[in-house]
Amino acid sequence: MPLILSVLKLNPVLVVAYLVGVVAIATPITLALNYTDRQSLRELESQAAILASQALRRNEQITDQVYQAVQEMEAASLQDPCSPQAMERMIRASMRASRLQAVGYVENNRLLCSSLGFHGAGLDVGTAEYVSPGGLAVRSDRRLPYDDKSLFRISASVKSGYTAIVHTDNAFDIVDNDAEFGVGLIGLGNMRPISQVGIWKPEWARRLGQAHRLSFYDGDYVVALERSSRYAYFTYAAIPGQRLQGSWKSQAMWLVPLGVAAGLILGFSVYLVTRQQLGLPAQLRSALRRGELYLLYQPIIHLASGQWVGAEALLRWRRPDGEHVSPAVFIPMAERTQLIGRITAHVLDRVAHEAGALLRARPDFFISVNFASTDLHDPALFEQLEDVVRRHGIRPACVHIEATERTFIDAAGTREHIQRIRGLGHQVVIDDFGTGYSSLSYLTQLEVDGLKIDKSFVDTIGTDAVTSHVVSHIIAMARSLKLLMVAEGVETEAQAAYLRERGVQLAQGWLFARPMRIDALQAQLVVAKGSAQA
């Protein structure tokens, strides 16, 4: 260093060169760090928005069931609300409601009886903190002797006293009970929490105004708010701002080349493989909570016109250290460990948040979402699909459902679920067609809208492979049933020409476009629209 300083003193030109060199090195790094900072903030805002949306959907389901149970009890017009006949009705009402723990009767701030039994002189539940416009007196965070370690929300009809009891964690189990996080339900009447987990700041409520949803960073937390379109409340989710620093550091490390000895690289590789193989389900659960899963969108092309008419939502997992976990690893594992339903729910929420504006502006465009075999038998997922589309103002026809062919082994048992999805207005397409149980008989039983020709068969087009004839048979089968056909993995113009000449309507693959972020997809669609108008 002293030598450098002495040389610089002797030659002013070297001083300028030295400063230019420093600026040349520092400028791209500074720009990259600023971009990383903004990108980290956007990602955390997206994570918070998804959590707030999930909390709103969960609480609207709970409120629906509360009103249904109370109205059912009121409709019976029983003279004695704690009679054996009334308590029998309470038991039936609570058993039919998946989100309720009990149904009961409150009078003079005492729970006199419930589907859990008769409570003698009654359990003191205190006065209500909030009365909804619909006539529910809500008591939050109450303890009951049957489970004194848990907190309950007690919602009683002001008119009749009939009551629904909900476990507080039932409304917010989308996050761990971590005081660093915050998620809750806020009444619009008094702008105070109806129930919450973790942090809440009253000044957040003032930012919502008349907006339906809002995301912001207050210097301490990245916060998302979402207003209910049916009830007088909104939900919020807050993520600690310290996570911005963690994300920033993770990205910034790529800008500073570090020399690592071969032994350290080998040891680190062994560590990564071991960590991936041991405890991967737990890591995936954590990844869901922390927003490490994200979506790329691969355009789907109309072969005859070359226009982009849709895109498939592809799930990716990037760990905080930048490592990517292959979908071929974590998707089958999720199916084996019953995590796939939560993953599909996450994808639906993310598609609605990221692509909702695009689909509202372009009702002729669609996004394809993959459903696993168990997803088609999950009523809660059907409810979420219907709820997400309705709340985000998306035409059901803009969301296609893709289910892998092995889903349809029991065609007769699956048909009812397919009809339900199609009845909601969605198209159903068989994914990876030809790799499993292809037959004309089960296609006619299922009444699906289309099929997707697997990449392994597209690859054989124009080759001497033994399976090269399979594509023509699949196309003939689909055409006889007037089904939509989508070819995946198209990589050459020869493949595209072959498919186009035989009447295949849609295709996707690297020949047309690689998977991309939603902002890149929107930008490409704007460019394509401008070119078409010109």
Protein backbone atom coordinates (compact mmCIF):
# COMPACT_ATOMS: atom_id res chain seq x y z
CA MET A 1 0.00 0.00 0.00
CA PRO A 2 2.78 2.57 0.79
CA LEU A 3 4.36 1.71 -2.57
CA ILE A 4 1.08 2.37 -4.41
CA LEU A 5 0.65 5.71 -2.65
CA SER A 6 4.17 6.82 -3.52
CA VAL A 7 3.68 5.94 -7.21
CA LEU A 8 0.37 7.81 -7.32
CA LYS A 9 2.03 10.92 -5.85
CA LEU A 10 4.62 10.87 -8.59
CA ASN A 11 2.13 10.46 -11.49
CA PRO A 12 -1.24 12.32 -11.45
CA VAL A 13 -2.40 10.32 -14.47
CA LEU A 14 -2.15 7.18 -12.37
CA VAL A 15 -4.32 8.86 -9.75
CA VAL A 16 -7.07 9.42 -12.32
CA ALA A 17 -6.67 5.89 -13.67
CA TYR A 18 -6.81 4.49 -10.17
CA LEU A 19 -10.01 6.42 -9.37
CA VAL A 20 -11.61 5.42 -12.69
CA GLY A 21 -10.75 1.81 -11.97
CA VAL A 22 -12.30 2.02 -8.52
CA VAL A 23 -15.45 3.61 -9.97
CA ALA A 24 -15.59 1.04 -12.78
CA ILE A 25 -15.48 -1.77 -10.24
CA ALA A 26 -17.74 -0.13 -7.68
CA THR A 27 -20.48 1.11 -10.03
CA PRO A 28 -21.79 -2.25 -11.32
CA ILE A 29 -21.50 -3.73 -7.84
CA THR A 30 -23.46 -0.79 -6.37
CA LEU A 31 -26.11 -1.06 -9.07
CA ALA A 32 -26.36 -4.80 -8.54
CA LEU A 33 -26.69 -4.37 -4.78
CA ASN A 34 -29.42 -1.74 -5.24
CA TYR A 35 -31.27 -4.07 -7.60
CA THR A 36 -30.87 -6.91 -5.10
CA ASP A 37 -32.25 -4.70 -2.35
CA ARG A 38 -35.35 -3.81 -4.40
CA GLN A 39 -35.82 -7.40 -5.52
CA SER A 40 -35.60 -8.65 -1.92
CA LEU A 41 -38.26 -6.12 -0.86
CA ARG A 42 -40.58 -7.18 -3.70
CA GLU A 43 -40.18 -10.85 -2.81
CA LEU A 44 -40.96 -10.22 0.87
CA GLU A 45 -43.98 -8.09 -0.09
CA SER A 46 -45.21 -10.96 -2.28
CA GLN A 47 -44.71 -13.44 0.59
CA ALA A 48 -46.61 -11.18 2.99
CA ALA A 49 -49.44 -10.70 0.46
CA ILE A 50 -49.82 -14.46 0.05
CA LEU A 51 -49.94 -14.96 3.84
CA ALA A 52 -52.55 -12.20 4.21
CA SER A 53 -54.62 -13.73 1.40
CA GLN A 54 -54.44 -17.19 2.95
CA ALA A 55 -55.44 -15.76 6.35
CA LEU A 56 -58.39 -13.93 4.77
CA ARG A 57 -59.59 -17.05 2.99
CA ARG A 58 -59.30 -19.09 6.21
CA ASN A 59 -61.19 -16.50 8.30
CA GLU A 60 -63.94 -16.04 5.71
CA GLN A 61 -64.48 -19.80 5.77
CA ILE A 62 -64.67 -19.68 9.57
CA THR A 63 -67.13 -16.76 9.51
CA ASP A 64 -69.30 -18.57 6.95
CA GLN A 65 -69.47 -21.61 9.24
CA VAL A 66 -70.17 -19.47 12.32
CA TYR A 67 -73.18 -17.82 10.67
CA GLN A 68 -74.38 -21.14 9.30
CA ALA A 69 -74.25 -22.81 12.74
CA VAL A 70 -75.96 -19.87 14.50
CA GLN A 71 -78.70 -19.62 11.88
CA GLU A 72 -79.29 -23.36 12.06
CA MET A 73 -79.82 -23.14 15.82
CA GLU A 74 -82.06 -20.08 15.51
CA ALA A 75 -84.19 -21.76 12.84
CA ALA A 76 -85.09 -24.54 15.29
CA SER A 77 -86.98 -21.99 17.48
CA LEU A 78 -86.34 -23.96 20.68
CA GLN A 79 -87.83 -22.61 23.91
CA ASP A 80 -85.00 -23.94 26.06
CA PRO A 81 -81.61 -23.29 24.37
CA CYS A 82 -79.89 -25.79 26.67
CA SER A 83 -82.42 -28.61 26.44
CA PRO A 84 -81.24 -32.10 25.39
CA GLN A 85 -82.83 -31.48 22.00
CA ALA A 86 -80.90 -28.18 21.62
CA MET A 87 -77.60 -29.73 22.67
CA GLU A 88 -78.11 -32.55 20.19
CA ARG A 89 -78.53 -29.95 17.45
CA MET A 90 -75.37 -28.19 18.66
CA ILE A 91 -73.41 -31.42 18.31
CA ARG A 92 -74.68 -31.96 14.77
CA ALA A 93 -73.93 -28.35 13.79
CA SER A 94 -70.37 -28.50 15.14
CA MET A 95 -69.65 -31.85 13.48
CA ARG A 96 -70.73 -30.49 10.08
CA ALA A 97 -68.40 -27.47 10.37
CA SER A 98 -64.74 -28.33 9.73
CA ARG A 99 -63.43 -25.06 11.22
CA LEU A 100 -65.49 -24.94 14.45
CA GLN A 101 -64.55 -26.57 17.74
CA ALA A 102 -67.99 -26.28 19.37
CA VAL A 103 -71.45 -24.67 19.16
CA GLY A 104 -73.11 -23.36 22.32
CA TYR A 105 -75.30 -20.76 24.05
CA VAL A 106 -74.17 -17.60 25.89
CA GLU A 107 -76.35 -15.56 28.24
CA ASN A 108 -75.21 -12.69 30.49
CA ASN A 109 -71.59 -13.27 29.48
CA ARG A 110 -71.69 -16.91 30.57
CA LEU A 111 -71.41 -19.99 28.38
CA LEU A 112 -74.27 -22.09 29.79
CA CYS A 113 -74.09 -25.09 27.47
CA SER A 114 -72.44 -26.28 24.28
CA SER A 115 -71.84 -29.31 22.12
CA LEU A 116 -69.16 -30.15 24.71
CA GLY A 117 -71.82 -30.53 27.41
CA PHE A 118 -73.88 -28.67 30.03
CA HIS A 119 -71.82 -26.14 32.00
CA GLY A 120 -73.92 -25.76 35.15
CA ALA A 121 -73.96 -22.14 36.30
CA GLY A 122 -71.99 -21.31 33.15
CA LEU A 123 -68.43 -20.45 32.21
CA ASP A 124 -67.55 -16.76 32.46
CA VAL A 125 -66.49 -15.58 28.99
CA GLY A 126 -66.49 -11.84 29.73
CA THR A 127 -67.83 -9.01 27.62
CA ALA A 128 -67.37 -8.87 23.87
CA GLU A 129 -64.58 -6.72 22.44
CA TYR A 130 -66.21 -6.40 19.02
CA VAL A 131 -69.74 -6.51 17.59
CA SER A 132 -69.90 -7.16 13.87
CA PRO A 133 -72.43 -5.48 11.52
CA GLY A 134 -73.96 -8.94 11.11
CA GLY A 135 -74.83 -9.08 14.83
CA LEU A 136 -72.05 -11.26 16.22
CA ALA A 137 -70.53 -10.35 19.59
CA VAL A 138 -66.92 -11.54 19.37
CA ARG A 139 -64.80 -12.45 22.38
CA SER A 140 -61.16 -13.08 21.49
CA ASP A 141 -58.41 -15.12 23.15
CA ARG A 142 -60.56 -16.79 25.83
CA ARG A 143 -59.48 -19.87 27.76
CA LEU A 144 -61.80 -22.79 28.43
CA PRO A 145 -61.33 -25.42 31.14
CA TYR A 146 -61.31 -28.23 28.58
CA ASP A 147 -58.03 -26.91 27.13
CA ASP A 148 -56.52 -24.25 29.38
CA LYS A 149 -53.34 -24.04 27.28
CA SER A 150 -55.13 -22.82 24.14
CA LEU A 151 -56.98 -19.65 23.20
CA PHE A 152 -60.43 -19.55 21.62
CA ARG A 153 -62.54 -17.03 19.72
CA ILE A 154 -66.19 -17.05 20.89
CA SER A 155 -68.73 -15.50 18.49
CA ALA A 156 -72.27 -15.17 19.89
CA SER A 157 -75.40 -13.91 18.18
CA VAL A 158 -76.55 -10.69 19.86
CA LYS A 159 -80.15 -11.62 19.03
CA SER A 160 -80.30 -15.24 20.19
CA GLY A 161 -77.16 -15.95 22.22
CA TYR A 162 -76.27 -18.98 20.10
CA THR A 163 -72.52 -19.22 19.83
CA ALA A 164 -69.71 -20.73 17.76
CA ILE A 165 -66.30 -21.47 19.30
CA VAL A 166 -63.13 -21.48 17.20
CA HIS A 167 -59.57 -22.36 18.17
CA THR A 168 -57.51 -19.19 17.53
CA ASP A 169 -54.68 -21.21 15.96
CA ASN A 170 -57.21 -22.65 13.51
CA ALA A 171 -57.43 -19.22 11.87
CA PHE A 172 -53.69 -18.58 11.63
CA ASP A 173 -51.85 -21.91 11.42
CA ILE A 174 -50.37 -20.76 8.11
CA VAL A 175 -47.39 -19.46 10.16
CA ASP A 176 -45.51 -20.72 13.20
CA ASN A 177 -46.27 -19.11 16.56
CA ASP A 178 -43.26 -16.86 16.10
CA ALA A 179 -43.39 -13.47 17.78
CA GLU A 180 -41.20 -12.06 14.99
CA PHE A 181 -44.00 -12.62 12.50
CA GLY A 182 -47.45 -11.10 12.66
CA VAL A 183 -50.74 -12.25 11.18
CA GLY A 184 -54.23 -11.34 12.28
CA LEU A 185 -57.82 -10.27 11.69
CA ILE A 186 -58.78 -6.60 12.17
CA GLY A 187 -62.33 -5.26 12.49
CA LEU A 188 -63.14 -2.32 10.22
CA GLY A 189 -65.47 -0.83 12.83
CA ASN A 190 -62.85 -0.06 15.49
CA MET A 191 -59.66 -0.94 13.57
CA ARG A 192 -58.61 -3.21 16.44
CA PRO A 193 -57.57 -6.89 16.28
CA ILE A 194 -60.36 -9.43 16.47
CA SER A 195 -57.64 -12.04 16.86
CA GLN A 196 -53.95 -12.16 16.02
CA VAL A 197 -50.68 -14.05 16.29
CA GLY A 198 -47.46 -12.10 16.83
CA ILE A 199 -46.83 -8.41 16.17
CA TRP A 200 -49.48 -5.78 15.31
CA LYS A 201 -49.12 -1.99 15.02
CA PRO A 202 -52.32 0.17 15.03
CA GLU A 203 -50.79 2.63 12.56
CA TRP A 204 -50.81 -0.07 9.87
CA ALA A 205 -54.62 0.07 9.76
CA ARG A 206 -54.61 3.76 8.81
CA ARG A 207 -52.67 3.02 5.63
CA LEU A 208 -55.39 0.81 4.14
CA GLY A 209 -57.87 3.61 3.47
CA GLN A 210 -60.31 2.51 0.76
CA ALA A 211 -57.84 0.12 -0.88
CA HIS A 212 -58.73 -3.55 -1.27
CA ARG A 213 -55.15 -4.73 -0.70
CA LEU A 214 -51.88 -3.00 0.13
CA SER A 215 -48.21 -3.87 0.73
CA PHE A 216 -45.54 -1.63 2.27
CA TYR A 217 -42.35 -1.51 4.37
CA ASP A 218 -42.56 0.64 7.51
CA GLY A 219 -38.85 0.44 8.34
CA ASP A 220 -39.28 -2.49 10.73
CA TYR A 221 -41.71 -4.86 8.97
CA VAL A 222 -42.82 -5.71 5.47
CA VAL A 223 -46.62 -5.64 5.77
CA ALA A 224 -49.52 -6.74 3.56
CA LEU A 225 -53.20 -5.89 4.18
CA GLU A 226 -56.20 -7.42 2.40
CA ARG A 227 -59.83 -6.36 2.89
CA SER A 228 -62.70 -8.87 2.83
CA SER A 229 -65.29 -8.24 0.12
CA ARG A 230 -67.98 -9.98 2.22
CA TYR A 231 -67.33 -9.11 5.86
CA ALA A 232 -66.37 -5.98 7.81
CA TYR A 233 -62.76 -6.94 8.48
CA PHE A 234 -59.36 -7.26 6.86
CA THR A 235 -56.34 -9.48 7.44
CA TYR A 236 -52.70 -8.53 7.71
CA ALA A 237 -49.35 -10.30 7.59
CA ALA A 238 -46.06 -8.80 8.80
CA ILE A 239 -42.57 -10.15 8.11
CA PRO A 240 -39.54 -8.81 10.02
CA GLY A 241 -37.43 -6.36 8.03
CA GLN A 242 -34.27 -8.18 9.15
CA ARG A 243 -35.08 -10.79 6.51
CA LEU A 244 -34.34 -8.15 3.87
CA GLN A 245 -30.78 -8.02 5.12
CA GLY A 246 -30.50 -11.80 5.01
CA SER A 247 -31.81 -11.93 1.44
CA TRP A 248 -29.54 -9.03 0.45
CA LYS A 249 -26.46 -10.76 1.80
CA SER A 250 -27.39 -14.00 0.06
CA GLN A 251 -27.60 -12.22 -3.30
CA ALA A 252 -24.56 -10.00 -2.71
CA MET A 253 -22.28 -12.98 -2.16
CA TRP A 254 -22.51 -13.73 -5.88
CA LEU A 255 -20.82 -10.41 -6.64
CA VAL A 256 -17.66 -11.07 -4.63
CA PRO A 257 -15.48 -13.87 -6.04
CA LEU A 258 -14.10 -15.98 -3.25
CA GLY A 259 -11.33 -18.50 -3.60
CA VAL A 260 -12.34 -21.76 -1.95
CA ALA A 261 -9.99 -24.70 -1.52
CA ALA A 262 -10.90 -27.96 -3.23
CA GLY A 263 -11.32 -29.71 0.10
CA LEU A 264 -13.82 -27.11 1.31
CA ILE A 265 -15.81 -27.37 -1.94
CA LEU A 266 -15.96 -31.13 -1.62
CA GLY A 267 -16.92 -30.93 2.06
CA PHE A 268 -19.61 -28.34 1.34
CA SER A 269 -21.01 -30.47 -1.51
CA VAL A 270 -21.25 -33.47 0.80
CA TYR A 271 -22.99 -31.27 3.37
CA LEU A 272 -25.53 -30.04 0.81
CA VAL A 273 -26.32 -33.57 -0.38
CA THR A 274 -26.68 -34.79 3.20
CA ARG A 275 -28.92 -31.87 4.15
CA GLN A 276 -31.07 -32.46 1.08
CA GLN A 277 -31.54 -36.14 1.78
CA LEU A 278 -32.09 -35.83 5.55
CA GLY A 279 -35.05 -33.80 6.70
CA LEU A 280 -36.16 -32.63 3.24
CA PRO A 281 -39.89 -32.69 4.20
CA ALA A 282 -39.19 -30.38 7.16
CA GLN A 283 -37.15 -28.10 4.92
CA LEU A 284 -40.01 -27.99 2.40
CA ARG A 285 -42.48 -27.01 5.13
CA SER A 286 -40.12 -24.25 6.18
CA ALA A 287 -39.68 -23.20 2.54
CA LEU A 288 -43.46 -22.82 2.21
CA ARG A 289 -43.59 -20.55 5.26
CA ARG A 290 -40.57 -18.49 4.25
CA GLY A 291 -41.54 -17.97 0.62
CA GLU A 292 -38.63 -19.88 -0.94
CA LEU A 293 -40.98 -21.42 -3.53
CA TYR A 294 -41.64 -19.26 -6.55
CA LEU A 295 -43.22 -19.55 -10.00
CA LEU A 296 -41.93 -19.37 -13.55
CA TYR A 297 -44.32 -19.25 -16.49
CA GLN A 298 -43.65 -21.10 -19.76
CA PRO A 299 -45.63 -19.65 -22.67
CA ILE A 300 -48.07 -21.86 -24.59
CA ILE A 301 -48.24 -21.06 -28.31
CA HIS A 302 -51.06 -21.37 -30.84
CA LEU A 303 -49.26 -23.31 -33.58
CA ALA A 304 -51.32 -22.02 -36.48
CA SER A 305 -50.94 -18.30 -35.67
CA GLY A 306 -47.79 -18.26 -33.50
CA GLN A 307 -49.57 -16.19 -30.84
CA TRP A 308 -48.98 -16.66 -27.10
CA VAL A 309 -52.36 -17.81 -25.76
CA GLY A 310 -51.42 -19.11 -22.33
CA ALA A 311 -48.67 -20.21 -19.97
CA GLU A 312 -47.98 -23.08 -17.60
CA ALA A 313 -47.14 -22.16 -13.99
CA LEU A 314 -43.98 -24.06 -13.03
CA LEU A 315 -42.98 -24.27 -9.35
CA ARG A 316 -39.34 -23.74 -8.39
CA TRP A 317 -37.51 -23.88 -5.03
CA ARG A 318 -34.54 -21.65 -4.33
CA ARG A 319 -32.98 -21.86 -0.88
CA PRO A 320 -31.68 -18.70 0.86
CA ASP A 321 -28.09 -19.64 -0.07
CA GLY A 322 -29.03 -19.60 -3.77
CA GLU A 323 -29.17 -23.39 -4.20
CA HIS A 324 -32.05 -24.70 -6.35
CA VAL A 325 -33.83 -27.94 -5.50
CA SER A 326 -35.16 -29.77 -8.54
CA PRO A 327 -38.96 -30.25 -8.83
CA ALA A 328 -38.16 -33.86 -9.74
CA VAL A 329 -36.91 -34.20 -6.15
CA PHE A 330 -39.33 -32.21 -4.00
CA ILE A 331 -42.65 -32.78 -5.86
CA PRO A 332 -42.63 -36.62 -5.52
CA MET A 333 -41.48 -36.23 -1.92
CA ALA A 334 -44.37 -33.82 -1.25
CA GLU A 335 -46.82 -36.35 -2.70
CA ARG A 336 -45.44 -39.09 -0.45
CA THR A 337 -45.62 -36.94 2.71
CA GLN A 338 -49.07 -35.36 2.13
CA LEU A 339 -47.57 -31.89 1.61
CA ILE A 340 -48.73 -31.65 -1.99
CA GLY A 341 -52.11 -30.12 -1.07
CA ARG A 342 -50.42 -27.21 0.71
CA ILE A 343 -48.08 -26.75 -2.26
CA THR A 344 -50.96 -26.68 -4.76
CA ALA A 345 -52.81 -24.19 -2.53
CA HIS A 346 -49.66 -22.03 -2.47
CA VAL A 347 -49.44 -22.15 -6.28
CA LEU A 348 -53.09 -21.10 -6.67
CA ASP A 349 -52.59 -18.14 -4.34
CA ARG A 350 -49.36 -17.11 -6.06
CA VAL A 351 -50.87 -17.36 -9.55
CA ALA A 352 -53.80 -15.18 -8.46
CA HIS A 353 -51.51 -12.53 -6.95
CA GLU A 354 -48.92 -12.51 -9.74
CA ALA A 355 -51.07 -13.10 -12.84
CA GLY A 356 -54.45 -11.78 -11.66
CA ALA A 357 -54.03 -8.37 -13.30
CA LEU A 358 -52.86 -9.99 -16.55
CA LEU A 359 -55.83 -12.37 -16.67
CA ARG A 360 -58.29 -9.58 -15.90
CA ALA A 361 -56.81 -7.47 -18.71
CA ARG A 362 -56.48 -10.42 -21.10
CA PRO A 363 -59.52 -12.71 -20.61
CA ASP A 364 -58.45 -14.61 -23.76
CA PHE A 365 -55.22 -15.70 -22.01
CA PHE A 366 -54.98 -18.64 -19.58
CA ILE A 367 -52.63 -20.03 -16.92
CA SER A 368 -52.31 -23.81 -16.47
CA VAL A 369 -51.90 -25.10 -12.89
CA ASN A 370 -50.81 -28.65 -12.10
CA PHE A 371 -52.94 -30.77 -9.75
CA ALA A 372 -51.55 -33.93 -8.16
CA SER A 373 -53.61 -37.13 -7.95
CA THR A 374 -54.66 -36.44 -4.35
CA ASP A 375 -55.62 -32.83 -5.15
CA LEU A 376 -58.62 -33.97 -7.20
CA HIS A 377 -60.03 -35.64 -4.08
CA ASP A 378 -59.51 -32.66 -1.74
CA PRO A 379 -62.75 -30.64 -1.23
CA ALA A 380 -60.84 -27.83 0.51
CA LEU A 381 -58.72 -27.31 -2.61
CA PHE A 382 -61.86 -27.04 -4.74
CA GLU A 383 -63.19 -24.41 -2.35
CA GLN A 384 -59.92 -22.49 -2.56
CA LEU A 385 -59.89 -22.66 -6.37
CA GLU A 386 -63.41 -21.21 -6.49
CA ASP A 387 -62.63 -18.62 -3.81
CA VAL A 388 -59.35 -17.40 -5.34
CA VAL A 389 -60.89 -16.96 -8.80
CA ARG A 390 -63.88 -15.08 -7.37
CA ARG A 391 -61.92 -12.77 -5.06
CA HIS A 392 -59.39 -11.78 -7.72
CA GLY A 393 -62.00 -11.22 -10.44
CA ILE A 394 -60.55 -13.88 -12.75
CA ARG A 395 -62.68 -15.72 -15.32
CA PRO A 396 -62.61 -19.45 -14.43
CA ALA A 397 -61.86 -20.20 -18.09
CA CYS A 398 -58.54 -18.35 -17.62
CA VAL A 399 -57.29 -21.04 -15.20
CA HIS A 400 -56.74 -24.50 -16.69
CA ILE A 401 -56.15 -27.54 -14.49
CA GLU A 402 -53.54 -30.10 -15.56
CA ALA A 403 -53.60 -33.53 -13.90
CA THR A 404 -51.04 -36.25 -14.60
CA GLU A 405 -52.24 -39.36 -16.36
CA ARG A 406 -51.67 -41.63 -13.35
CA THR A 407 -54.39 -39.61 -11.59
CA PHE A 408 -56.96 -41.33 -13.79
CA ILE A 409 -56.26 -44.99 -12.99
CA ASP A 410 -59.72 -45.12 -11.43
CA ALA A 411 -61.54 -43.26 -14.21
CA ALA A 412 -65.01 -43.84 -12.77
CA GLY A 413 -63.99 -42.60 -9.31
CA THR A 414 -62.29 -39.51 -10.72
CA ARG A 415 -65.05 -38.51 -13.13
CA GLU A 416 -67.17 -36.81 -10.45
CA HIS A 417 -64.26 -34.56 -9.42
CA ILE A 418 -63.48 -33.69 -13.05
CA GLN A 419 -67.11 -32.73 -13.62
CA ARG A 420 -67.05 -30.51 -10.53
CA ILE A 421 -63.98 -28.61 -11.75
CA ARG A 422 -65.43 -28.23 -15.25
CA GLY A 423 -68.72 -27.15 -13.69
CA LEU A 424 -66.86 -24.23 -12.08
CA GLY A 425 -65.84 -23.13 -15.58
CA HIS A 426 -62.26 -24.48 -15.72
CA GLN A 427 -60.81 -26.63 -18.47
CA VAL A 428 -59.21 -29.94 -17.44
CA VAL A 429 -56.24 -31.29 -19.40
CA ILE A 430 -54.51 -34.66 -18.93
CA ASP A 431 -50.78 -34.01 -18.46
CA ASP A 432 -47.97 -36.32 -19.69
CA PHE A 433 -50.44 -38.21 -21.85
CA GLY A 434 -49.18 -41.49 -23.25
CA THR A 435 -46.79 -42.32 -20.39
CA GLY A 436 -49.17 -44.35 -18.27
CA TYR A 437 -52.69 -45.61 -18.86
CA SER A 438 -53.64 -44.34 -22.32
CA SER A 439 -56.82 -45.85 -23.70
CA LEU A 440 -59.81 -44.64 -25.65
CA SER A 441 -62.22 -46.14 -23.11
CA TYR A 442 -61.09 -44.09 -20.12
CA LEU A 443 -60.92 -40.91 -22.19
CA THR A 444 -64.57 -41.25 -23.11
CA GLN A 445 -65.50 -41.91 -19.46
CA LEU A 446 -63.65 -38.86 -18.09
CA GLU A 447 -65.03 -36.15 -20.40
CA VAL A 448 -61.90 -33.98 -20.14
CA ASP A 449 -61.21 -30.94 -22.33
CA GLY A 450 -57.81 -31.85 -23.67
CA LEU A 451 -54.56 -33.75 -23.34
CA LYS A 452 -50.90 -32.90 -23.28
CA ILE A 453 -48.51 -34.93 -25.44
CA ASP A 454 -45.49 -35.81 -23.31
CA LYS A 455 -42.06 -34.48 -24.31
CA SER A 456 -40.66 -38.01 -24.55
CA PHE A 457 -42.90 -38.66 -27.57
CA VAL A 458 -42.34 -35.23 -29.14
CA ASP A 459 -38.58 -35.95 -29.03
CA THR A 460 -39.10 -38.99 -31.33
CA ILE A 461 -40.65 -36.97 -34.17
CA GLY A 462 -38.55 -37.43 -37.32
CA THR A 463 -36.40 -40.17 -35.74
CA ASP A 464 -36.22 -43.94 -36.08
CA ALA A 465 -37.10 -44.52 -32.42
CA VAL A 466 -39.34 -47.49 -31.65
CA THR A 467 -41.94 -45.16 -30.07
CA SER A 468 -41.94 -42.60 -32.91
CA HIS A 469 -45.35 -43.81 -34.11
CA VAL A 470 -46.98 -43.12 -30.73
CA VAL A 471 -47.44 -39.40 -31.45
CA SER A 472 -49.61 -40.06 -34.50
CA HIS A 473 -51.77 -42.51 -32.51
CA ILE A 474 -52.24 -39.99 -29.68
CA ILE A 475 -53.20 -37.26 -32.17
CA ALA A 476 -55.66 -39.56 -33.93
CA MET A 477 -57.22 -40.55 -30.59
CA ALA A 478 -57.59 -36.90 -29.50
CA ARG A 479 -59.01 -35.78 -32.83
CA SER A 480 -61.63 -38.53 -32.78
CA LEU A 481 -62.84 -37.20 -29.42
CA LYS A 482 -62.48 -33.52 -30.48
CA LEU A 483 -60.06 -32.81 -27.62
CA LEU A 484 -57.69 -29.87 -27.31
CA MET A 485 -54.07 -30.99 -27.86
CA VAL A 486 -50.97 -29.39 -26.30
CA ALA A 487 -47.50 -30.66 -27.23
CA GLU A 488 -44.79 -30.03 -24.66
CA GLY A 489 -41.02 -29.94 -25.07
CA VAL A 490 -41.01 -28.69 -28.67
CA GLU A 491 -37.40 -27.79 -29.51
CA THR A 492 -37.12 -27.82 -33.30
CA GLU A 493 -39.02 -26.26 -36.18
CA ALA A 494 -39.37 -29.73 -37.72
CA GLN A 495 -41.28 -30.92 -34.65
CA ALA A 496 -43.50 -27.82 -34.73
CA ALA A 497 -44.25 -28.30 -38.44
CA TYR A 498 -45.11 -31.98 -37.94
CA LEU A 499 -47.53 -31.14 -35.11
CA ARG A 500 -49.04 -28.17 -36.94
CA GLU A 501 -49.71 -30.22 -40.09
CA ARG A 502 -51.57 -32.87 -38.07
CA GLY A 503 -53.90 -30.45 -36.35
CA VAL A 504 -52.26 -30.09 -32.92
CA GLN A 505 -53.51 -26.73 -31.70
CA LEU A 506 -51.08 -25.67 -28.95
CA ALA A 507 -47.44 -26.24 -28.03
CA GLN A 508 -44.78 -25.16 -25.58
CA GLY A 509 -41.05 -25.63 -25.48
CA TRP A 510 -37.67 -23.93 -25.83
CA LEU A 511 -38.24 -23.39 -29.55
CA PHE A 512 -40.75 -20.69 -28.59
CA ALA A 513 -39.72 -19.49 -25.12
CA ARG A 514 -38.14 -20.66 -21.90
CA PRO A 515 -39.88 -20.36 -18.51
CA MET A 516 -39.82 -16.78 -17.24
CA ARG A 517 -40.95 -14.54 -14.39
CA ILE A 518 -44.39 -12.97 -14.58
CA ASP A 519 -43.02 -9.48 -15.31
CA ALA A 520 -41.07 -10.82 -18.31
CA LEU A 521 -44.18 -12.65 -19.55
CA GLN A 522 -46.27 -9.48 -19.29
CA ALA A 523 -43.59 -7.45 -21.08
CA GLN A 524 -43.42 -9.96 -23.95
CA LEU A 525 -47.22 -9.93 -24.30
CA VAL A 526 -47.22 -6.12 -24.47
CA VAL A 527 -44.53 -6.20 -27.17
CA ALA A 528 -46.42 -8.88 -29.12
CA LYS A 529 -49.66 -6.88 -28.88
CA GLY A 530 -47.92 -3.73 -30.07
CA SER A 531 -46.40 -5.56 -33.05
CA ALA A 532 -49.80 -7.03 -34.00
CA GLN A 533 -51.45 -3.57 -33.89
CA ALA A 534 -48.66 -2.04 -35.94
